[in-house]
Amino acid sequence: MANIIADINDRGHLFQSSIDSFFQKLNISGLLSRSNFYKEAGFSCTHILKELFALVFTGKNLYRTLSAKDPELSFRKNTAYRFLNCGYFNWEKLLYLVMSRLIYQIDRLTGSSRESVLIIDDSLFSRNNSKKVELLARVFDHTSHKFCRGFRMLTLGWSDGNTFLPVSFSLLSSAKDENVLCPASLTDKRTNGYKRRIRSRMSSTDTLIEMLREAKDIPARFVLFDSWFTMPKTVVSVKEENRDVIGMLRISDKIHYFCNGRWQNIRSIYKDMSKNANHSSQIIGSVCVMIRKHKTDPLDKCIKARIVFVRERNTNKWLAIMSTDTTISEEEIVRIYGKRWDIETFFKVCKSHLALAREFQGRSYDMLVATTTLVFLRYAMLSIEARNNCDDRTIGELFFLYCKEIEDIKLSHSLMLILSTVLQILGNSLNGRKDKIQNLITETFMNALPNYIRRQLVLCA
């Protein structure tokens, strides 16, 4: 029993030292001052933020911790709630300043030939059991295909293919009054709380463009979308902000692109292109099109784009990926778009392990924004710690020039993808005879490989 207690204490001290180091390197007190965090008396904002930040790593939430007979926090319940409910604090700016500083540190470790990207996606911020939360709305959940209570958490993140950092977010209510279940409280129009309430009622497209404008100094050439956001109007609007777009297209008969001298939908374009396509490859082919922001726009106001058709793995279906940069190859478009999966992992970690929307049960919109910012800062710390453990270039200037840059995809993963393609081709040519394929791979192919490649393939298996 004594050994278990000692182990728990050691892990607690390890987490606390990591948090102290993270806050010290960022100079968090200076960033709080720049973000309008100010208290006239009592505990400092830095002290309160650090203790609330560390709560999830002890396996406790704020309510249980404050209601305990011997609370672990050094301040009382009123201090914590006043801090989280304050409408003057600019939580959005604090998050942006922290992430900008971290991105600068990581970007210098990345080669110029490697593309960093911005990723935009939304996720459900569920408050299904709530009734009186400010700006609570009926929102559509794309996973369950049902309406539920909560918000759409529109998130802008940055990734270099290995490290993901959330740059900004907005908890969107609904632009329709009939879908808003609880109205916004009266707030001073000069405060940050009033501005974020106005933003929560904006459309997702307008909010998306506003977030990109605020992140104009973030080094990234491409913006990645899923099919929900890759609409012609949105793509052209992002292109006007001097960013290129790579996104999955929605297979719809109502969206048209100018190709081969006429406006046609994606199915028609694929039908014409597939006549001369390479059906044995994962990438079926590509075609250059023109897209427009409004239906009345002439061709000289349209922008060029390339649509790459990709075969969905293990099925006969196809997918379409569009890029506004027509100079890069089809393979590069698909490879860069693969980085979009980082934001899905981010959402999963925040909801499953960092207590997003579960740790605090406040009713004010300011508190929702504050607690979401805390969760995103925790993820940033974990992401930086993971980067420091796998990238030797983070140790210091002495190792910067002598260590290899961390790969987009590891060698073992690349070999596994190649081998799976070979197995698929052999399966088609040998009519699925597994015994012959197995002997060919294990005896002939593996024995002909160099030892260092064979070891990597054994690791994959």
Protein backbone atom coordinates (compact mmCIF):
# COMPACT_ATOMS: atom_id res chain seq x y z
CA MET A 1 0.00 0.00 0.00
CA ALA A 2 2.84 2.37 0.85
CA ASN A 3 4.42 1.70 -2.54
CA ILE A 4 1.15 2.62 -4.32
CA ILE A 5 0.87 5.91 -2.41
CA ALA A 6 4.49 6.75 -3.11
CA ASP A 7 3.98 6.03 -6.82
CA ILE A 8 0.92 8.34 -6.95
CA ASN A 9 2.86 11.13 -5.23
CA ASP A 10 5.77 10.74 -7.64
CA ARG A 11 3.44 11.01 -10.64
CA GLY A 12 1.77 14.06 -9.10
CA HIS A 13 5.12 15.78 -8.64
CA LEU A 14 6.09 14.85 -12.21
CA PHE A 15 2.93 16.44 -13.61
CA GLN A 16 3.35 19.51 -11.44
CA SER A 17 6.93 20.03 -12.57
CA SER A 18 5.85 19.65 -16.21
CA ILE A 19 3.10 22.24 -15.71
CA ASP A 20 5.49 24.65 -13.97
CA SER A 21 8.01 24.26 -16.79
CA PHE A 22 5.30 24.77 -19.44
CA PHE A 23 4.02 27.98 -17.81
CA GLN A 24 7.53 29.30 -17.21
CA LYS A 25 8.72 28.80 -20.79
CA LEU A 26 5.63 30.58 -22.11
CA ASN A 27 5.94 33.46 -19.64
CA ILE A 28 2.23 32.96 -18.98
CA SER A 29 1.94 35.97 -16.66
CA GLY A 30 2.99 38.29 -19.49
CA LEU A 31 0.52 36.67 -21.90
CA LEU A 32 -2.28 37.00 -19.32
CA SER A 33 -1.50 40.70 -18.96
CA ARG A 34 -1.68 41.18 -22.74
CA SER A 35 -5.04 39.37 -22.77
CA ASN A 36 -6.67 41.75 -20.27
CA PHE A 37 -6.46 39.39 -17.28
CA TYR A 38 -6.36 41.57 -14.19
CA LYS A 39 -7.28 41.24 -10.50
CA GLU A 40 -7.19 44.09 -8.02
CA ALA A 41 -6.66 41.89 -4.95
CA GLY A 42 -6.38 38.31 -3.77
CA PHE A 43 -4.80 35.45 -5.68
CA SER A 44 -3.11 36.33 -8.96
CA CYS A 45 -4.60 35.23 -12.29
CA THR A 46 -1.52 33.09 -12.95
CA HIS A 47 -1.95 31.22 -9.67
CA ILE A 48 -5.65 30.51 -10.25
CA LEU A 49 -5.09 29.46 -13.87
CA LYS A 50 -2.31 27.05 -12.92
CA GLU A 51 -4.36 25.28 -10.24
CA LEU A 52 -7.43 24.95 -12.48
CA PHE A 53 -5.18 23.78 -15.32
CA ALA A 54 -3.79 20.93 -13.19
CA LEU A 55 -7.16 19.61 -11.97
CA VAL A 56 -7.77 17.06 -14.73
CA PHE A 57 -4.36 15.45 -14.17
CA THR A 58 -5.39 14.58 -10.60
CA GLY A 59 -8.62 12.91 -11.79
CA LYS A 60 -10.91 15.48 -10.12
CA ASN A 61 -13.31 18.16 -11.30
CA LEU A 62 -13.84 21.62 -9.83
CA TYR A 63 -17.15 20.91 -8.10
CA ARG A 64 -15.94 17.81 -6.23
CA THR A 65 -12.68 19.48 -5.30
CA LEU A 66 -14.35 22.59 -3.84
CA SER A 67 -17.08 20.65 -2.04
CA ALA A 68 -14.58 18.39 -0.26
CA LYS A 69 -13.98 18.93 3.46
CA ASP A 70 -10.25 19.38 2.85
CA PRO A 71 -10.06 21.02 -0.62
CA GLU A 72 -6.75 20.75 -2.45
CA LEU A 73 -7.14 24.20 -4.05
CA SER A 74 -5.71 27.19 -2.21
CA PHE A 75 -8.73 29.39 -3.03
CA ARG A 76 -12.45 29.08 -2.48
CA LYS A 77 -15.38 28.44 -4.78
CA ASN A 78 -16.31 32.11 -5.29
CA THR A 79 -12.78 32.97 -6.45
CA ALA A 80 -12.79 30.22 -9.08
CA TYR A 81 -16.24 31.08 -10.43
CA ARG A 82 -15.57 34.82 -10.57
CA PHE A 83 -12.39 34.07 -12.52
CA LEU A 84 -14.16 31.81 -15.03
CA ASN A 85 -17.28 33.98 -15.43
CA CYS A 86 -15.52 37.30 -15.97
CA GLY A 87 -16.53 38.86 -19.30
CA TYR A 88 -13.54 41.20 -19.42
CA PHE A 89 -10.92 38.45 -19.80
CA ASN A 90 -9.97 37.74 -23.42
CA TRP A 91 -9.62 33.95 -23.40
CA GLU A 92 -9.49 33.76 -27.20
CA LYS A 93 -6.50 36.09 -27.36
CA LEU A 94 -4.72 34.15 -24.59
CA LEU A 95 -5.11 30.90 -26.54
CA TYR A 96 -3.87 32.54 -29.74
CA LEU A 97 -0.80 34.08 -28.06
CA VAL A 98 0.16 30.77 -26.43
CA MET A 99 -0.23 28.80 -29.65
CA SER A 100 1.63 31.41 -31.71
CA ARG A 101 4.61 31.11 -29.40
CA LEU A 102 4.54 27.30 -29.50
CA ILE A 103 4.13 27.23 -33.30
CA TYR A 104 7.14 29.49 -33.71
CA GLN A 105 9.24 27.10 -31.62
CA ILE A 106 8.10 24.05 -33.65
CA ASP A 107 8.15 25.68 -37.10
CA ARG A 108 11.88 26.39 -36.87
CA LEU A 109 12.41 22.63 -36.45
CA THR A 110 10.58 21.95 -39.73
CA GLY A 111 12.30 22.03 -43.12
CA SER A 112 11.23 24.52 -45.80
CA SER A 113 10.18 21.70 -48.15
CA ARG A 114 7.63 20.40 -45.66
CA GLU A 115 4.16 21.93 -45.73
CA SER A 116 2.51 23.08 -42.52
CA VAL A 117 -1.28 23.32 -42.67
CA LEU A 118 -4.26 24.90 -40.98
CA ILE A 119 -7.18 22.54 -40.33
CA ILE A 120 -10.76 23.67 -39.76
CA ASP A 121 -13.49 21.38 -38.49
CA ASP A 122 -16.39 21.41 -36.06
CA SER A 123 -17.44 19.01 -33.34
CA LEU A 124 -20.42 18.70 -31.04
CA PHE A 125 -20.11 20.45 -27.67
CA SER A 126 -22.84 18.50 -25.93
CA ARG A 127 -24.93 19.82 -23.01
CA ASN A 128 -27.86 17.43 -23.43
CA ASN A 129 -28.80 17.45 -19.74
CA SER A 130 -28.79 21.24 -19.43
CA LYS A 131 -31.84 23.52 -19.58
CA LYS A 132 -30.68 27.01 -18.57
CA VAL A 133 -27.23 27.34 -20.15
CA GLU A 134 -26.80 30.68 -21.86
CA LEU A 135 -27.20 30.52 -25.69
CA LEU A 136 -27.94 26.78 -25.52
CA ALA A 137 -29.27 25.68 -28.91
CA ARG A 138 -30.59 22.72 -30.86
CA VAL A 139 -27.68 21.62 -33.04
CA PHE A 140 -27.38 18.76 -35.49
CA ASP A 141 -25.01 15.94 -34.58
CA HIS A 142 -23.40 14.53 -37.75
CA THR A 143 -22.47 11.30 -35.94
CA SER A 144 -25.90 10.29 -34.66
CA HIS A 145 -27.79 12.28 -37.34
CA LYS A 146 -30.06 13.75 -34.65
CA PHE A 147 -30.64 17.15 -33.08
CA CYS A 148 -29.39 17.61 -29.54
CA ARG A 149 -28.72 20.36 -27.01
CA GLY A 150 -25.35 22.05 -27.06
CA PHE A 151 -23.08 24.04 -29.38
CA ARG A 152 -21.04 23.54 -32.54
CA MET A 153 -17.40 23.87 -31.54
CA LEU A 154 -15.75 25.31 -34.66
CA THR A 155 -11.98 24.86 -34.27
CA LEU A 156 -8.97 26.12 -36.20
CA GLY A 157 -5.80 24.08 -35.67
CA TRP A 158 -2.23 24.04 -36.96
CA SER A 159 -0.24 20.92 -37.84
CA ASP A 160 3.14 20.07 -39.35
CA GLY A 161 2.17 16.42 -39.79
CA ASN A 162 3.42 15.38 -36.36
CA THR A 163 2.29 17.99 -33.83
CA PHE A 164 -1.20 19.48 -33.71
CA LEU A 165 -2.00 22.71 -31.86
CA PRO A 166 -5.47 24.34 -31.54
CA VAL A 167 -5.12 28.00 -32.56
CA SER A 168 -8.67 29.31 -32.00
CA PHE A 169 -12.25 28.19 -31.61
CA SER A 170 -15.82 29.45 -31.38
CA LEU A 171 -18.77 27.84 -29.61
CA LEU A 172 -21.50 28.45 -32.18
CA SER A 173 -25.09 28.60 -31.00
CA SER A 174 -27.58 29.04 -33.85
CA ALA A 175 -28.25 31.88 -36.25
CA LYS A 176 -31.99 31.03 -36.11
CA ASP A 177 -33.87 32.39 -33.11
CA GLU A 178 -36.23 29.40 -33.01
CA ASN A 179 -33.30 27.03 -32.38
CA VAL A 180 -31.86 29.04 -29.47
CA LEU A 181 -33.26 27.56 -26.24
CA CYS A 182 -31.86 30.14 -23.82
CA PRO A 183 -31.21 33.81 -24.69
CA ALA A 184 -27.96 35.65 -24.08
CA SER A 185 -27.67 37.68 -20.88
CA LEU A 186 -27.35 41.47 -20.99
CA THR A 187 -23.65 42.35 -21.21
CA ASP A 188 -21.67 45.56 -21.47
CA LYS A 189 -21.01 46.14 -25.18
CA ARG A 190 -17.44 47.24 -24.42
CA THR A 191 -16.44 43.86 -23.01
CA ASN A 192 -14.98 40.78 -24.67
CA GLY A 193 -17.98 38.82 -23.39
CA TYR A 194 -20.34 40.85 -25.58
CA LYS A 195 -18.16 40.33 -28.67
CA ARG A 196 -18.00 36.56 -28.21
CA ARG A 197 -21.78 36.39 -27.76
CA ILE A 198 -22.28 38.23 -31.06
CA ARG A 199 -19.84 35.84 -32.72
CA SER A 200 -21.70 32.80 -31.44
CA ARG A 201 -24.77 33.78 -33.52
CA MET A 202 -22.82 34.20 -36.77
CA SER A 203 -22.88 31.62 -39.56
CA SER A 204 -20.09 29.05 -39.56
CA THR A 205 -18.71 30.35 -42.90
CA ASP A 206 -18.41 33.94 -41.65
CA THR A 207 -16.85 32.75 -38.39
CA LEU A 208 -14.41 30.58 -40.33
CA ILE A 209 -13.18 33.50 -42.46
CA GLU A 210 -12.88 35.72 -39.38
CA MET A 211 -10.77 33.09 -37.60
CA LEU A 212 -8.46 32.82 -40.62
CA ARG A 213 -7.99 36.60 -40.67
CA GLU A 214 -7.06 36.60 -37.00
CA ALA A 215 -4.53 33.82 -37.71
CA LYS A 216 -2.90 35.62 -40.64
CA ASP A 217 0.56 35.43 -38.99
CA ILE A 218 0.44 31.64 -38.50
CA PRO A 219 2.86 30.00 -41.00
CA ALA A 220 0.76 27.67 -43.14
CA ARG A 221 0.14 27.57 -46.86
CA PHE A 222 -2.85 25.24 -47.04
CA VAL A 223 -6.21 25.12 -45.27
CA LEU A 224 -7.72 21.63 -44.99
CA PHE A 225 -11.48 20.97 -44.94
CA ASP A 226 -13.75 17.99 -44.84
CA SER A 227 -16.69 17.72 -47.24
CA TRP A 228 -18.97 19.77 -44.95
CA PHE A 229 -16.96 22.97 -45.55
CA THR A 230 -15.57 22.43 -49.06
CA MET A 231 -18.24 24.47 -50.81
CA PRO A 232 -17.30 26.71 -53.79
CA LYS A 233 -18.26 29.91 -51.93
CA THR A 234 -16.17 28.99 -48.89
CA VAL A 235 -13.19 27.86 -51.00
CA VAL A 236 -13.13 31.10 -53.00
CA SER A 237 -13.44 33.16 -49.79
CA VAL A 238 -10.44 31.36 -48.27
CA LYS A 239 -8.47 31.81 -51.50
CA GLU A 240 -9.11 35.57 -51.24
CA GLU A 241 -7.34 35.44 -47.86
CA ASN A 242 -4.15 34.24 -49.64
CA ARG A 243 -4.44 30.63 -48.49
CA ASP A 244 -4.80 27.57 -50.70
CA VAL A 245 -7.46 24.99 -49.94
CA ILE A 246 -7.32 21.19 -50.03
CA GLY A 247 -10.60 19.56 -49.14
CA MET A 248 -12.82 16.56 -49.67
CA LEU A 249 -15.70 17.29 -52.06
CA ARG A 250 -19.32 16.53 -51.33
CA ILE A 251 -20.72 14.22 -54.01
CA SER A 252 -23.82 16.24 -54.82
CA ASP A 253 -25.81 16.95 -57.97
CA LYS A 254 -26.51 20.52 -56.85
CA ILE A 255 -22.89 21.78 -56.84
CA HIS A 256 -21.41 22.55 -60.26
CA TYR A 257 -17.88 23.08 -61.59
CA PHE A 258 -16.81 24.41 -64.99
CA CYS A 259 -15.11 21.60 -66.91
CA ASN A 260 -14.78 20.79 -70.64
CA GLY A 261 -16.61 23.95 -71.63
CA ARG A 262 -19.72 23.55 -69.46
CA TRP A 263 -20.92 23.61 -65.85
CA GLN A 264 -21.46 20.10 -64.51
CA ASN A 265 -21.68 18.25 -61.21
CA ILE A 266 -19.01 15.98 -59.76
CA ARG A 267 -20.64 12.74 -60.92
CA SER A 268 -20.70 13.96 -64.52
CA ILE A 269 -17.05 15.04 -64.32
CA TYR A 270 -16.03 11.64 -62.96
CA LYS A 271 -17.98 9.83 -65.68
CA ASP A 272 -16.13 11.73 -68.43
CA MET A 273 -12.74 11.39 -66.75
CA SER A 274 -13.04 7.68 -65.88
CA LYS A 275 -13.14 6.67 -69.56
CA ASN A 276 -9.36 7.23 -69.77
CA ALA A 277 -8.56 6.63 -66.09
CA ASN A 278 -5.96 4.32 -64.58
CA HIS A 279 -8.20 1.79 -62.80
CA SER A 280 -5.30 -0.26 -61.43
CA SER A 281 -3.96 2.62 -59.31
CA GLN A 282 -5.26 4.00 -56.01
CA ILE A 283 -5.39 7.44 -57.64
CA ILE A 284 -7.84 7.14 -60.52
CA GLY A 285 -7.01 10.47 -62.15
CA SER A 286 -7.47 14.23 -61.95
CA VAL A 287 -9.00 17.10 -63.88
CA CYS A 288 -8.69 20.90 -63.78
CA VAL A 289 -11.90 22.88 -63.22
CA MET A 290 -13.10 26.42 -62.50
CA ILE A 291 -15.14 27.29 -59.40
CA ARG A 292 -17.21 30.39 -58.67
CA LYS A 293 -18.31 32.20 -55.53
CA HIS A 294 -21.74 33.17 -56.87
CA LYS A 295 -23.80 31.66 -59.66
CA THR A 296 -23.85 35.00 -61.50
CA ASP A 297 -20.04 35.37 -61.55
CA PRO A 298 -18.45 35.38 -65.04
CA LEU A 299 -15.59 33.01 -65.88
CA ASP A 300 -12.92 35.69 -65.48
CA LYS A 301 -13.84 35.93 -61.77
CA CYS A 302 -13.66 32.17 -61.23
CA ILE A 303 -10.57 30.49 -59.79
CA LYS A 304 -8.75 27.38 -61.01
CA ALA A 305 -8.70 24.15 -59.04
CA ARG A 306 -7.67 20.53 -59.50
CA ILE A 307 -9.96 17.65 -58.54
CA VAL A 308 -8.20 14.35 -57.76
CA PHE A 309 -10.30 11.18 -57.80
CA VAL A 310 -9.15 8.51 -55.36
CA ARG A 311 -10.34 4.94 -54.98
CA GLU A 312 -11.71 4.18 -51.55
CA ARG A 313 -9.72 1.35 -50.02
CA ASN A 314 -11.25 -2.15 -50.25
CA THR A 315 -14.39 -0.86 -52.02
CA ASN A 316 -15.48 0.11 -55.51
CA LYS A 317 -16.43 3.62 -54.37
CA TRP A 318 -14.47 6.76 -55.20
CA LEU A 319 -13.68 10.01 -53.41
CA ALA A 320 -12.88 13.47 -54.78
CA ILE A 321 -10.28 15.82 -53.29
CA MET A 322 -9.96 19.40 -54.53
CA SER A 323 -6.90 21.66 -54.40
CA THR A 324 -6.75 25.32 -55.39
CA ASP A 325 -3.02 24.90 -56.03
CA THR A 326 -2.87 23.27 -59.46
CA THR A 327 0.95 23.12 -59.58
CA ILE A 328 1.43 20.26 -57.11
CA SER A 329 1.08 16.60 -58.08
CA GLU A 330 -1.87 14.33 -57.41
CA GLU A 331 0.12 12.29 -54.89
CA GLU A 332 1.14 15.45 -53.01
CA ILE A 333 -2.48 16.62 -52.77
CA VAL A 334 -3.54 13.29 -51.25
CA ARG A 335 -0.55 13.23 -48.90
CA ILE A 336 -1.15 16.73 -47.58
CA TYR A 337 -4.87 16.08 -47.10
CA GLY A 338 -3.97 13.11 -44.91
CA LYS A 339 -2.83 15.57 -42.22
CA ARG A 340 -6.46 16.58 -41.64
CA TRP A 341 -6.92 13.49 -39.46
CA ASP A 342 -4.92 15.22 -36.70
CA ILE A 343 -7.93 17.33 -35.70
CA GLU A 344 -10.11 14.22 -35.33
CA THR A 345 -7.56 12.79 -32.91
CA PHE A 346 -7.55 16.12 -31.09
CA PHE A 347 -11.33 16.06 -30.60
CA LYS A 348 -11.19 12.47 -29.35
CA VAL A 349 -8.47 13.19 -26.78
CA CYS A 350 -10.18 16.34 -25.48
CA LYS A 351 -13.54 14.63 -24.98
CA SER A 352 -12.28 11.27 -23.67
CA HIS A 353 -9.30 12.27 -21.53
CA LEU A 354 -9.29 16.05 -20.90
CA ALA A 355 -12.92 16.34 -19.73
CA LEU A 356 -14.15 18.71 -22.43
CA ALA A 357 -17.72 19.86 -21.57
CA ARG A 358 -17.75 17.59 -18.49
CA GLU A 359 -15.40 19.09 -15.92
CA PHE A 360 -17.27 22.35 -15.23
CA GLN A 361 -21.06 22.74 -15.18
CA GLY A 362 -21.40 26.51 -15.41
CA ARG A 363 -24.35 28.22 -17.08
CA SER A 364 -22.75 31.39 -18.42
CA TYR A 365 -21.33 31.55 -21.94
CA ASP A 366 -18.13 33.15 -20.60
CA MET A 367 -17.49 30.11 -18.42
CA LEU A 368 -18.00 27.74 -21.34
CA VAL A 369 -15.36 29.63 -23.34
CA ALA A 370 -12.98 29.77 -20.37
CA THR A 371 -13.17 26.04 -19.61
CA THR A 372 -12.78 25.12 -23.29
CA THR A 373 -9.66 27.28 -23.46
CA LEU A 374 -8.29 25.45 -20.41
CA VAL A 375 -8.81 22.10 -22.12
CA PHE A 376 -7.07 23.32 -25.29
CA LEU A 377 -4.10 24.60 -23.26
CA ARG A 378 -3.80 21.20 -21.58
CA TYR A 379 -3.74 19.48 -24.95
CA ALA A 380 -1.04 21.90 -26.13
CA MET A 381 1.14 20.98 -23.14
CA LEU A 382 0.72 17.25 -23.81
CA SER A 383 1.40 17.75 -27.52
CA ILE A 384 4.63 19.66 -26.80
CA GLU A 385 5.73 17.01 -24.29
CA ALA A 386 5.15 14.28 -26.89
CA ARG A 387 7.16 16.29 -29.43
CA ASN A 388 10.05 16.74 -26.99
CA ASN A 389 10.17 12.99 -26.38
CA CYS A 390 10.43 12.01 -30.06
CA ASP A 391 12.29 14.95 -31.66
CA ASP A 392 15.95 15.32 -30.68
CA ARG A 393 16.08 18.76 -32.31
CA THR A 394 14.08 20.18 -29.40
CA ILE A 395 16.98 19.56 -26.99
CA GLY A 396 18.84 22.70 -27.99
CA GLU A 397 21.02 24.46 -30.53
CA LEU A 398 23.87 21.96 -30.09
CA PHE A 399 21.70 19.15 -31.54
CA PHE A 400 19.64 21.23 -33.99
CA LEU A 401 21.94 20.86 -37.02
CA TYR A 402 23.07 17.30 -36.32
CA CYS A 403 19.74 15.56 -35.79
CA LYS A 404 17.36 14.46 -38.51
CA GLU A 405 14.02 16.17 -38.93
CA ILE A 406 11.12 14.07 -37.67
CA GLU A 407 9.32 12.33 -40.55
CA ASP A 408 5.78 12.90 -41.78
CA ILE A 409 5.36 9.13 -42.03
CA LYS A 410 7.74 6.65 -40.41
CA LEU A 411 9.71 4.21 -42.57
CA SER A 412 7.93 1.20 -41.08
CA HIS A 413 4.54 2.73 -41.87
CA SER A 414 5.60 3.50 -45.45
CA LEU A 415 6.78 -0.08 -45.98
CA MET A 416 3.52 -1.41 -44.57
CA LEU A 417 1.52 0.67 -47.08
CA ILE A 418 3.69 -0.57 -49.96
CA LEU A 419 3.36 -4.19 -48.86
CA SER A 420 -0.43 -3.94 -48.52
CA THR A 421 -0.60 -2.60 -52.09
CA VAL A 422 1.52 -5.51 -53.34
CA LEU A 423 -0.76 -8.00 -51.57
CA GLN A 424 -3.83 -6.41 -53.12
CA ILE A 425 -2.35 -6.61 -56.63
CA LEU A 426 -1.28 -10.25 -56.13
CA GLY A 427 -4.72 -11.12 -54.81
CA ASN A 428 -6.34 -9.78 -57.96
CA SER A 429 -3.88 -11.51 -60.33
CA LEU A 430 -3.85 -14.90 -58.57
CA ASN A 431 -7.62 -15.02 -58.07
CA GLY A 432 -7.33 -14.85 -54.31
CA ARG A 433 -5.21 -18.01 -53.79
CA LYS A 434 -3.93 -17.21 -50.31
CA ASP A 435 -1.49 -20.15 -50.07
CA LYS A 436 0.45 -19.08 -53.16
CA ILE A 437 0.47 -15.44 -52.08
CA GLN A 438 1.68 -16.36 -48.58
CA ASN A 439 4.56 -18.50 -49.89
CA LEU A 440 5.54 -15.85 -52.41
CA ILE A 441 5.73 -13.14 -49.74
CA THR A 442 7.27 -15.08 -46.84
CA GLU A 443 9.83 -17.12 -48.78
CA THR A 444 10.73 -15.36 -52.02
CA PHE A 445 10.05 -11.68 -51.41
CA MET A 446 11.18 -11.38 -47.76
CA ASN A 447 14.40 -13.36 -48.31
CA ALA A 448 15.39 -11.10 -51.20
CA LEU A 449 15.16 -7.93 -49.09
CA PRO A 450 18.09 -6.31 -47.23
CA ASN A 451 18.24 -7.01 -43.51
CA TYR A 452 17.38 -3.46 -42.36
CA ILE A 453 14.18 -3.40 -44.47
CA ARG A 454 13.25 -6.91 -43.37
CA ARG A 455 13.51 -5.87 -39.72
CA GLN A 456 11.16 -2.93 -40.33
CA LEU A 457 8.60 -5.18 -41.99
CA VAL A 458 8.77 -7.60 -39.07
CA LEU A 459 7.97 -4.69 -36.76
CA CYS A 460 4.95 -3.81 -38.95
CA ALA A 461 3.66 -7.36 -38.75
